Amino acid sequence: MDEIPVSMSNVVRFEIPAYAGIDDLCAYIRPRWGGSIKFQDDVWYVSARVRRSKNDLAQLLRKVEAYVAESGLQAIRYELDGRFYIMEAEALLPAAAAA
């Protein structure tokens, strides 16, 4: 049986539910990760280009996870190497509410 070659990409696409979140996410991850914005099939996407360094993908995912928590989105979908994943993060409570 022939093995299917694994498609490796240096781009991660994050689905954002509203345009307002696009600008916020772009500001949050740039200038470290360049990329693009696209509207397709009624969904906004932010694409980020990952460097080939050992930890760059993990750092990007942690940064976006922090954005998801801070923005109160709770979860977003993202695509990496042709597969879709769900990133969940609990919303952060304001300091006054946490006390």
PDB file of N, CA and C in Angstrom:
ATOM      1  N   MET A   1       0.839  -1.174   0.000  1.00  0.00           N
ATOM      2  CA  MET A   1       0.000   0.000   0.000  1.00  0.00           C
ATOM      3  C   MET A   1       0.883   1.236   0.000  1.00  0.00           C
ATOM      4  N   ASP A   2       0.615   2.173  -0.900  1.00  0.00           N
ATOM      5  CA  ASP A   2       1.384   3.404  -0.978  1.00  0.00           C
ATOM      6  C   ASP A   2       0.959   4.359   0.124  1.00  0.00           C
ATOM      7  N   GLU A   3       1.962   5.039   0.703  1.00  0.00           N
ATOM      8  CA  GLU A   3       1.654   6.044   1.717  1.00  0.00           C
ATOM      9  C   GLU A   3       1.291   7.356   1.043  1.00  0.00           C
ATOM     10  N   ILE A   4       0.356   8.052   1.643  1.00  0.00           N
ATOM     11  CA  ILE A   4      -0.033   9.363   1.143  1.00  0.00           C
ATOM     12  C   ILE A   4       0.965  10.376   1.683  1.00  0.00           C
ATOM     13  N   PRO A   5       1.572  11.173   0.817  1.00  0.00           N
ATOM     14  CA  PRO A   5       2.545  12.153   1.307  1.00  0.00           C
ATOM     15  C   PRO A   5       1.862  13.199   2.185  1.00  0.00           C
ATOM     16  N   VAL A   6       2.533  13.555   3.251  1.00  0.00           N
ATOM     17  CA  VAL A   6       2.007  14.564   4.170  1.00  0.00           C
ATOM     18  C   VAL A   6       2.278  15.947   3.588  1.00  0.00           C
ATOM     19  N   SER A   7       1.241  16.746   3.536  1.00  0.00           N
ATOM     20  CA  SER A   7       1.372  18.105   3.024  1.00  0.00           C
ATOM     21  C   SER A   7       1.760  19.032   4.166  1.00  0.00           C
ATOM     22  N   MET A   8       2.940  19.590   4.110  1.00  0.00           N
ATOM     23  CA  MET A   8       3.403  20.493   5.152  1.00  0.00           C
ATOM     24  C   MET A   8       3.341  21.917   4.617  1.00  0.00           C
ATOM     25  N   SER A   9       2.783  22.774   5.413  1.00  0.00           N
ATOM     26  CA  SER A   9       2.630  24.161   5.009  1.00  0.00           C
ATOM     27  C   SER A   9       3.252  25.064   6.053  1.00  0.00           C
ATOM     28  N   ASN A  10       3.676  26.228   5.616  1.00  0.00           N
ATOM     29  CA  ASN A  10       4.190  27.207   6.577  1.00  0.00           C
ATOM     30  C   ASN A  10       3.158  28.305   6.822  1.00  0.00           C
ATOM     31  N   VAL A  11       1.891  28.019   6.495  1.00  0.00           N
ATOM     32  CA  VAL A  11       0.818  28.981   6.696  1.00  0.00           C
ATOM     33  C   VAL A  11      -0.280  28.351   7.562  1.00  0.00           C
ATOM     34  N   VAL A  12      -0.739  29.115   8.555  1.00  0.00           N
ATOM     35  CA  VAL A  12      -1.859  28.707   9.402  1.00  0.00           C
ATOM     36  C   VAL A  12      -2.993  29.685   9.129  1.00  0.00           C
ATOM     37  N   ARG A  13      -4.209  29.152   8.897  1.00  0.00           N
ATOM     38  CA  ARG A  13      -5.380  30.013   8.647  1.00  0.00           C
ATOM     39  C   ARG A  13      -6.313  29.944   9.850  1.00  0.00           C
ATOM     40  N   PHE A  14      -6.620  31.120  10.407  1.00  0.00           N
ATOM     41  CA  PHE A  14      -7.513  31.228  11.552  1.00  0.00           C
ATOM     42  C   PHE A  14      -8.842  31.808  11.086  1.00  0.00           C
ATOM     43  N   GLU A  15      -9.960  31.170  11.445  1.00  0.00           N
ATOM     44  CA  GLU A  15     -11.289  31.666  11.104  1.00  0.00           C
ATOM     45  C   GLU A  15     -11.769  32.586  12.224  1.00  0.00           C
ATOM     46  N   ILE A  16     -12.172  33.783  11.846  1.00  0.00           N
ATOM     47  CA  ILE A  16     -12.649  34.769  12.810  1.00  0.00           C
ATOM     48  C   ILE A  16     -14.098  35.100  12.459  1.00  0.00           C
ATOM     49  N   PRO A  17     -15.007  35.105  13.452  1.00  0.00           N
ATOM     50  CA  PRO A  17     -16.428  35.243  13.149  1.00  0.00           C
ATOM     51  C   PRO A  17     -16.878  36.617  12.656  1.00  0.00           C
ATOM     52  N   ALA A  18     -16.112  37.660  12.894  1.00  0.00           N
ATOM     53  CA  ALA A  18     -16.549  38.998  12.471  1.00  0.00           C
ATOM     54  C   ALA A  18     -15.346  39.816  12.029  1.00  0.00           C
ATOM     55  N   TYR A  19     -15.599  40.758  11.121  1.00  0.00           N
ATOM     56  CA  TYR A  19     -14.497  41.569  10.596  1.00  0.00           C
ATOM     57  C   TYR A  19     -13.762  42.314  11.701  1.00  0.00           C
ATOM     58  N   ALA A  20     -14.455  42.801  12.707  1.00  0.00           N
ATOM     59  CA  ALA A  20     -13.811  43.566  13.785  1.00  0.00           C
ATOM     60  C   ALA A  20     -12.680  42.759  14.420  1.00  0.00           C
ATOM     61  N   GLY A  21     -12.855  41.469  14.544  1.00  0.00           N
ATOM     62  CA  GLY A  21     -11.825  40.618  15.123  1.00  0.00           C
ATOM     63  C   GLY A  21     -10.609  40.455  14.233  1.00  0.00           C
ATOM     64  N   ILE A  22     -10.787  40.639  12.950  1.00  0.00           N
ATOM     65  CA  ILE A  22      -9.675  40.506  11.994  1.00  0.00           C
ATOM     66  C   ILE A  22      -8.587  41.527  12.292  1.00  0.00           C
ATOM     67  N   ASP A  23      -8.974  42.775  12.385  1.00  0.00           N
ATOM     68  CA  ASP A  23      -7.989  43.833  12.647  1.00  0.00           C
ATOM     69  C   ASP A  23      -7.305  43.624  13.990  1.00  0.00           C
ATOM     70  N   ASP A  24      -8.090  43.233  14.991  1.00  0.00           N
ATOM     71  CA  ASP A  24      -7.521  43.010  16.317  1.00  0.00           C
ATOM     72  C   ASP A  24      -6.512  41.867  16.308  1.00  0.00           C
ATOM     73  N   LEU A  25      -6.862  40.754  15.666  1.00  0.00           N
ATOM     74  CA  LEU A  25      -5.942  39.616  15.623  1.00  0.00           C
ATOM     75  C   LEU A  25      -4.683  39.962  14.843  1.00  0.00           C
ATOM     76  N   CYS A  26      -4.830  40.646  13.723  1.00  0.00           N
ATOM     77  CA  CYS A  26      -3.659  41.035  12.935  1.00  0.00           C
ATOM     78  C   CYS A  26      -2.715  41.908  13.756  1.00  0.00           C
ATOM     79  N   ALA A  27      -3.270  42.867  14.469  1.00  0.00           N
ATOM     80  CA  ALA A  27      -2.445  43.739  15.303  1.00  0.00           C
ATOM     81  C   ALA A  27      -1.776  42.936  16.411  1.00  0.00           C
ATOM     82  N   TYR A  28      -2.444  41.929  16.901  1.00  0.00           N
ATOM     83  CA  TYR A  28      -1.945  41.121  18.009  1.00  0.00           C
ATOM     84  C   TYR A  28      -0.749  40.259  17.596  1.00  0.00           C
ATOM     85  N   ILE A  29      -0.766  39.722  16.393  1.00  0.00           N
ATOM     86  CA  ILE A  29       0.303  38.788  15.985  1.00  0.00           C
ATOM     87  C   ILE A  29       1.407  39.420  15.143  1.00  0.00           C
ATOM     88  N   ARG A  30       1.176  40.618  14.634  1.00  0.00           N
ATOM     89  CA  ARG A  30       2.206  41.270  13.816  1.00  0.00           C
ATOM     90  C   ARG A  30       3.043  42.177  14.684  1.00  0.00           C
ATOM     91  N   PRO A  31       4.245  42.449  14.368  1.00  0.00           N
ATOM     92  CA  PRO A  31       4.947  42.183  13.110  1.00  0.00           C
ATOM     93  C   PRO A  31       5.646  40.829  13.051  1.00  0.00           C
ATOM     94  N   ARG A  32       5.609  40.039  14.118  1.00  0.00           N
ATOM     95  CA  ARG A  32       6.359  38.778  14.104  1.00  0.00           C
ATOM     96  C   ARG A  32       5.891  37.823  13.020  1.00  0.00           C
ATOM     97  N   TRP A  33       4.573  37.710  12.842  1.00  0.00           N
ATOM     98  CA  TRP A  33       4.050  36.786  11.838  1.00  0.00           C
ATOM     99  C   TRP A  33       3.325  37.567  10.756  1.00  0.00           C
ATOM    100  N   GLY A  34       3.871  37.547   9.565  1.00  0.00           N
ATOM    101  CA  GLY A  34       3.218  38.190   8.431  1.00  0.00           C
ATOM    102  C   GLY A  34       2.113  37.298   7.913  1.00  0.00           C
ATOM    103  N   GLY A  35       1.255  37.857   7.110  1.00  0.00           N
ATOM    104  CA  GLY A  35       0.178  37.040   6.564  1.00  0.00           C
ATOM    105  C   GLY A  35      -0.793  37.869   5.767  1.00  0.00           C
ATOM    106  N   SER A  36      -2.011  37.366   5.674  1.00  0.00           N
ATOM    107  CA  SER A  36      -3.009  38.050   4.861  1.00  0.00           C
ATOM    108  C   SER A  36      -4.392  37.878   5.474  1.00  0.00           C
ATOM    109  N   ILE A  37      -5.338  38.672   4.949  1.00  0.00           N
ATOM    110  CA  ILE A  37      -6.739  38.619   5.358  1.00  0.00           C
ATOM    111  C   ILE A  37      -7.553  38.224   4.131  1.00  0.00           C
ATOM    112  N   LYS A  38      -8.544  37.357   4.347  1.00  0.00           N
ATOM    113  CA  LYS A  38      -9.367  36.914   3.224  1.00  0.00           C
ATOM    114  C   LYS A  38     -10.795  36.675   3.712  1.00  0.00           C
ATOM    115  N   PHE A  39     -11.757  37.034   2.872  1.00  0.00           N
ATOM    116  CA  PHE A  39     -13.169  36.743   3.131  1.00  0.00           C
ATOM    117  C   PHE A  39     -13.606  35.721   2.101  1.00  0.00           C
ATOM    118  N   GLN A  40     -14.037  34.545   2.577  1.00  0.00           N
ATOM    119  CA  GLN A  40     -14.399  33.467   1.657  1.00  0.00           C
ATOM    120  C   GLN A  40     -15.540  32.661   2.280  1.00  0.00           C
ATOM    121  N   ASP A  41     -16.564  32.396   1.516  1.00  0.00           N
ATOM    122  CA  ASP A  41     -17.706  31.583   1.970  1.00  0.00           C
ATOM    123  C   ASP A  41     -18.287  32.111   3.282  1.00  0.00           C
ATOM    124  N   ASP A  42     -18.446  33.430   3.364  1.00  0.00           N
ATOM    125  CA  ASP A  42     -19.018  34.102   4.533  1.00  0.00           C
ATOM    126  C   ASP A  42     -18.189  33.959   5.805  1.00  0.00           C
ATOM    127  N   VAL A  43     -16.904  33.698   5.662  1.00  0.00           N
ATOM    128  CA  VAL A  43     -16.013  33.562   6.817  1.00  0.00           C
ATOM    129  C   VAL A  43     -14.779  34.428   6.594  1.00  0.00           C
ATOM    130  N   TRP A  44     -14.346  35.112   7.653  1.00  0.00           N
ATOM    131  CA  TRP A  44     -13.109  35.888   7.605  1.00  0.00           C
ATOM    132  C   TRP A  44     -11.949  35.015   8.052  1.00  0.00           C
ATOM    133  N   TYR A  45     -10.843  35.092   7.321  1.00  0.00           N
ATOM    134  CA  TYR A  45      -9.645  34.326   7.640  1.00  0.00           C
ATOM    135  C   TYR A  45      -8.460  35.266   7.839  1.00  0.00           C
ATOM    136  N   VAL A  46      -7.659  34.957   8.835  1.00  0.00           N
ATOM    137  CA  VAL A  46      -6.355  35.584   8.997  1.00  0.00           C
ATOM    138  C   VAL A  46      -5.339  34.470   8.779  1.00  0.00           C
ATOM    139  N   SER A  47      -4.481  34.651   7.799  1.00  0.00           N
ATOM    140  CA  SER A  47      -3.424  33.678   7.535  1.00  0.00           C
ATOM    141  C   SER A  47      -2.125  34.222   8.097  1.00  0.00           C
ATOM    142  N   ALA A  48      -1.382  33.362   8.754  1.00  0.00           N
ATOM    143  CA  ALA A  48      -0.094  33.758   9.322  1.00  0.00           C
ATOM    144  C   ALA A  48       0.983  32.824   8.801  1.00  0.00           C
ATOM    145  N   ARG A  49       2.091  33.397   8.405  1.00  0.00           N
ATOM    146  CA  ARG A  49       3.209  32.618   7.871  1.00  0.00           C
ATOM    147  C   ARG A  49       4.162  32.258   9.013  1.00  0.00           C
ATOM    148  N   VAL A  50       4.414  30.968   9.168  1.00  0.00           N
ATOM    149  CA  VAL A  50       5.268  30.459  10.235  1.00  0.00           C
ATOM    150  C   VAL A  50       6.687  30.296   9.709  1.00  0.00           C
ATOM    151  N   ARG A  51       7.632  30.697  10.518  1.00  0.00           N
ATOM    152  CA  ARG A  51       9.051  30.500  10.162  1.00  0.00           C
ATOM    153  C   ARG A  51       9.430  29.040  10.388  1.00  0.00           C
ATOM    154  N   ARG A  52      10.517  28.642   9.822  1.00  0.00           N
ATOM    155  CA  ARG A  52      10.966  27.248   9.930  1.00  0.00           C
ATOM    156  C   ARG A  52      11.665  26.954  11.260  1.00  0.00           C
ATOM    157  N   SER A  53      11.744  27.918  12.147  1.00  0.00           N
ATOM    158  CA  SER A  53      12.419  27.682  13.420  1.00  0.00           C
ATOM    159  C   SER A  53      11.636  26.680  14.261  1.00  0.00           C
ATOM    160  N   LYS A  54      12.305  26.062  15.179  1.00  0.00           N
ATOM    161  CA  LYS A  54      11.781  24.958  15.963  1.00  0.00           C
ATOM    162  C   LYS A  54      10.496  25.283  16.733  1.00  0.00           C
ATOM    163  N   ASN A  55      10.416  26.446  17.328  1.00  0.00           N
ATOM    164  CA  ASN A  55       9.291  26.761  18.206  1.00  0.00           C
ATOM    165  C   ASN A  55       8.311  27.777  17.638  1.00  0.00           C
ATOM    166  N   ASP A  56       8.484  28.207  16.421  1.00  0.00           N
ATOM    167  CA  ASP A  56       7.673  29.307  15.902  1.00  0.00           C
ATOM    168  C   ASP A  56       6.185  28.965  15.841  1.00  0.00           C
ATOM    169  N   LEU A  57       5.841  27.771  15.400  1.00  0.00           N
ATOM    170  CA  LEU A  57       4.436  27.379  15.319  1.00  0.00           C
ATOM    171  C   LEU A  57       3.814  27.361  16.718  1.00  0.00           C
ATOM    172  N   ALA A  58       4.494  26.771  17.672  1.00  0.00           N
ATOM    173  CA  ALA A  58       3.966  26.709  19.042  1.00  0.00           C
ATOM    174  C   ALA A  58       3.776  28.112  19.612  1.00  0.00           C
ATOM    175  N   GLN A  59       4.720  29.012  19.344  1.00  0.00           N
ATOM    176  CA  GLN A  59       4.603  30.382  19.838  1.00  0.00           C
ATOM    177  C   GLN A  59       3.420  31.099  19.197  1.00  0.00           C
ATOM    178  N   LEU A  60       3.221  30.888  17.902  1.00  0.00           N
ATOM    179  CA  LEU A  60       2.082  31.504  17.213  1.00  0.00           C
ATOM    180  C   LEU A  60       0.768  30.991  17.806  1.00  0.00           C
ATOM    181  N   LEU A  61       0.650  29.684  17.977  1.00  0.00           N
ATOM    182  CA  LEU A  61      -0.587  29.122  18.512  1.00  0.00           C
ATOM    183  C   LEU A  61      -0.864  29.616  19.928  1.00  0.00           C
ATOM    184  N   ARG A  62       0.168  29.734  20.761  1.00  0.00           N
ATOM    185  CA  ARG A  62      -0.023  30.277  22.109  1.00  0.00           C
ATOM    186  C   ARG A  62      -0.460  31.734  22.060  1.00  0.00           C
ATOM    187  N   LYS A  63       0.117  32.498  21.153  1.00  0.00           N
ATOM    188  CA  LYS A  63      -0.240  33.914  21.017  1.00  0.00           C
ATOM    189  C   LYS A  63      -1.705  34.047  20.585  1.00  0.00           C
ATOM    190  N   VAL A  64      -2.128  33.259  19.613  1.00  0.00           N
ATOM    191  CA  VAL A  64      -3.520  33.321  19.146  1.00  0.00           C
ATOM    192  C   VAL A  64      -4.455  32.810  20.242  1.00  0.00           C
ATOM    193  N   GLU A  65      -4.056  31.801  20.981  1.00  0.00           N
ATOM    194  CA  GLU A  65      -4.877  31.322  22.094  1.00  0.00           C
ATOM    195  C   GLU A  65      -5.078  32.428  23.133  1.00  0.00           C
ATOM    196  N   ALA A  66      -4.040  33.193  23.410  1.00  0.00           N
ATOM    197  CA  ALA A  66      -4.161  34.323  24.341  1.00  0.00           C
ATOM    198  C   ALA A  66      -5.125  35.366  23.785  1.00  0.00           C
ATOM    199  N   TYR A  67      -5.061  35.608  22.486  1.00  0.00           N
ATOM    200  CA  TYR A  67      -5.999  36.547  21.856  1.00  0.00           C
ATOM    201  C   TYR A  67      -7.437  36.049  22.004  1.00  0.00           C
ATOM    202  N   VAL A  68      -7.662  34.768  21.761  1.00  0.00           N
ATOM    203  CA  VAL A  68      -9.003  34.194  21.879  1.00  0.00           C
ATOM    204  C   VAL A  68      -9.529  34.394  23.302  1.00  0.00           C
ATOM    205  N   ALA A  69      -8.695  34.166  24.299  1.00  0.00           N
ATOM    206  CA  ALA A  69      -9.106  34.348  25.692  1.00  0.00           C
ATOM    207  C   ALA A  69      -9.400  35.814  25.999  1.00  0.00           C
ATOM    208  N   GLU A  70      -8.512  36.704  25.582  1.00  0.00           N
ATOM    209  CA  GLU A  70      -8.676  38.133  25.866  1.00  0.00           C
ATOM    210  C   GLU A  70      -9.873  38.734  25.145  1.00  0.00           C
ATOM    211  N   SER A  71     -10.154  38.248  23.948  1.00  0.00           N
ATOM    212  CA  SER A  71     -11.254  38.809  23.158  1.00  0.00           C
ATOM    213  C   SER A  71     -12.610  38.244  23.555  1.00  0.00           C
ATOM    214  N   GLY A  72     -12.615  37.168  24.335  1.00  0.00           N
ATOM    215  CA  GLY A  72     -13.865  36.557  24.756  1.00  0.00           C
ATOM    216  C   GLY A  72     -14.511  35.675  23.696  1.00  0.00           C
ATOM    217  N   LEU A  73     -13.770  35.298  22.668  1.00  0.00           N
ATOM    218  CA  LEU A  73     -14.337  34.470  21.595  1.00  0.00           C
ATOM    219  C   LEU A  73     -14.668  33.044  22.044  1.00  0.00           C
ATOM    220  N   GLN A  74     -14.011  32.531  23.031  1.00  0.00           N
ATOM    221  CA  GLN A  74     -14.163  31.178  23.564  1.00  0.00           C
ATOM    222  C   GLN A  74     -13.524  30.121  22.685  1.00  0.00           C
ATOM    223  N   ALA A  75     -13.731  30.184  21.367  1.00  0.00           N
ATOM    224  CA  ALA A  75     -13.138  29.185  20.475  1.00  0.00           C
ATOM    225  C   ALA A  75     -13.106  29.712  19.048  1.00  0.00           C
ATOM    226  N   ILE A  76     -12.101  29.281  18.298  1.00  0.00           N
ATOM    227  CA  ILE A  76     -12.029  29.557  16.867  1.00  0.00           C
ATOM    228  C   ILE A  76     -11.536  28.283  16.185  1.00  0.00           C
ATOM    229  N   ARG A  77     -11.764  28.223  14.911  1.00  0.00           N
ATOM    230  CA  ARG A  77     -11.268  27.107  14.109  1.00  0.00           C
ATOM    231  C   ARG A  77     -10.044  27.578  13.350  1.00  0.00           C
ATOM    232  N   TYR A  78      -9.076  26.681  13.186  1.00  0.00           N
ATOM    233  CA  TYR A  78      -7.911  27.020  12.368  1.00  0.00           C
ATOM    234  C   TYR A  78      -7.494  25.826  11.532  1.00  0.00           C
ATOM    235  N   GLU A  79      -6.799  26.136  10.437  1.00  0.00           N
ATOM    236  CA  GLU A  79      -6.356  25.112   9.495  1.00  0.00           C
ATOM    237  C   GLU A  79      -4.837  25.090   9.451  1.00  0.00           C
ATOM    238  N   LEU A  80      -4.303  23.901   9.564  1.00  0.00           N
ATOM    239  CA  LEU A  80      -2.855  23.695   9.500  1.00  0.00           C
ATOM    240  C   LEU A  80      -2.598  22.417   8.719  1.00  0.00           C
ATOM    241  N   ASP A  81      -1.794  22.502   7.699  1.00  0.00           N
ATOM    242  CA  ASP A  81      -1.436  21.347   6.864  1.00  0.00           C
ATOM    243  C   ASP A  81      -2.658  20.601   6.332  1.00  0.00           C
ATOM    244  N   GLY A  82      -3.698  21.373   5.944  1.00  0.00           N
ATOM    245  CA  GLY A  82      -4.872  20.777   5.346  1.00  0.00           C
ATOM    246  C   GLY A  82      -5.857  20.157   6.323  1.00  0.00           C
ATOM    247  N   ARG A  83      -5.590  20.288   7.613  1.00  0.00           N
ATOM    248  CA  ARG A  83      -6.499  19.749   8.632  1.00  0.00           C
ATOM    249  C   ARG A  83      -7.049  20.897   9.468  1.00  0.00           C
ATOM    250  N   PHE A  84      -8.277  20.729   9.941  1.00  0.00           N
ATOM    251  CA  PHE A  84      -8.912  21.749  10.760  1.00  0.00           C
ATOM    252  C   PHE A  84      -8.886  21.338  12.224  1.00  0.00           C
ATOM    253  N   TYR A  85      -8.692  22.329  13.089  1.00  0.00           N
ATOM    254  CA  TYR A  85      -8.640  22.132  14.531  1.00  0.00           C
ATOM    255  C   TYR A  85      -9.474  23.212  15.206  1.00  0.00           C
ATOM    256  N   ILE A  86      -9.872  22.955  16.440  1.00  0.00           N
ATOM    257  CA  ILE A  86     -10.578  23.932  17.249  1.00  0.00           C
ATOM    258  C   ILE A  86      -9.645  24.385  18.363  1.00  0.00           C
ATOM    259  N   MET A  87      -9.509  25.688  18.492  1.00  0.00           N
ATOM    260  CA  MET A  87      -8.722  26.262  19.578  1.00  0.00           C
ATOM    261  C   MET A  87      -9.703  26.867  20.569  1.00  0.00           C
ATOM    262  N   GLU A  88      -9.669  26.373  21.793  1.00  0.00           N
ATOM    263  CA  GLU A  88     -10.553  26.878  22.837  1.00  0.00           C
ATOM    264  C   GLU A  88      -9.724  27.586  23.905  1.00  0.00           C
ATOM    265  N   ALA A  89     -10.301  28.626  24.463  1.00  0.00           N
ATOM    266  CA  ALA A  89      -9.653  29.350  25.555  1.00  0.00           C
ATOM    267  C   ALA A  89     -10.738  30.004  26.391  1.00  0.00           C
ATOM    268  N   GLU A  90     -10.648  29.836  27.684  1.00  0.00           N
ATOM    269  CA  GLU A  90     -11.624  30.472  28.567  1.00  0.00           C
ATOM    270  C   GLU A  90     -11.409  31.965  28.564  1.00  0.00           C
ATOM    271  N   ALA A  91     -12.508  32.701  28.550  1.00  0.00           N
ATOM    272  CA  ALA A  91     -12.425  34.163  28.582  1.00  0.00           C
ATOM    273  C   ALA A  91     -11.777  34.604  29.891  1.00  0.00           C
ATOM    274  N   LEU A  92     -10.917  35.591  29.790  1.00  0.00           N
ATOM    275  CA  LEU A  92     -10.277  36.144  30.985  1.00  0.00           C
ATOM    276  C   LEU A  92     -11.246  37.067  31.699  1.00  0.00           C
ATOM    277  N   LEU A  93     -11.293  36.962  33.000  1.00  0.00           N
ATOM    278  CA  LEU A  93     -12.137  37.833  33.801  1.00  0.00           C
ATOM    279  C   LEU A  93     -11.408  39.138  34.076  1.00  0.00           C
ATOM    280  N   PRO A  94     -12.093  40.259  34.021  1.00  0.00           N
ATOM    281  CA  PRO A  94     -11.448  41.513  34.420  1.00  0.00           C
ATOM    282  C   PRO A  94     -10.989  41.413  35.877  1.00  0.00           C
ATOM    283  N   ALA A  95      -9.923  42.110  36.210  1.00  0.00           N
ATOM    284  CA  ALA A  95      -9.327  42.028  37.554  1.00  0.00           C
ATOM    285  C   ALA A  95     -10.340  42.310  38.641  1.00  0.00           C
ATOM    286  N   ALA A  96     -11.247  43.272  38.447  1.00  0.00           N
ATOM    287  CA  ALA A  96     -12.239  43.624  39.455  1.00  0.00           C
ATOM    288  C   ALA A  96     -13.227  42.475  39.677  1.00  0.00           C
ATOM    289  N   ALA A  97     -13.583  41.774  38.629  1.00  0.00           N
ATOM    290  CA  ALA A  97     -14.545  40.678  38.743  1.00  0.00           C
ATOM    291  C   ALA A  97     -13.914  39.440  39.376  1.00  0.00           C
ATOM    292  N   ALA A  98     -12.612  39.272  39.179  1.00  0.00           N
ATOM    293  CA  ALA A  98     -11.916  38.104  39.712  1.00  0.00           C
ATOM    294  C   ALA A  98     -11.692  38.217  41.212  1.00  0.00           C
ATOM    295  N   ALA A  99     -11.678  39.439  41.751  1.00  0.00           N
ATOM    296  CA  ALA A  99     -11.398  39.641  43.186  1.00  0.00           C
ATOM    297  C   ALA A  99     -12.587  39.342  44.044  1.00  0.00           C
TER     298      ALA A  99
END
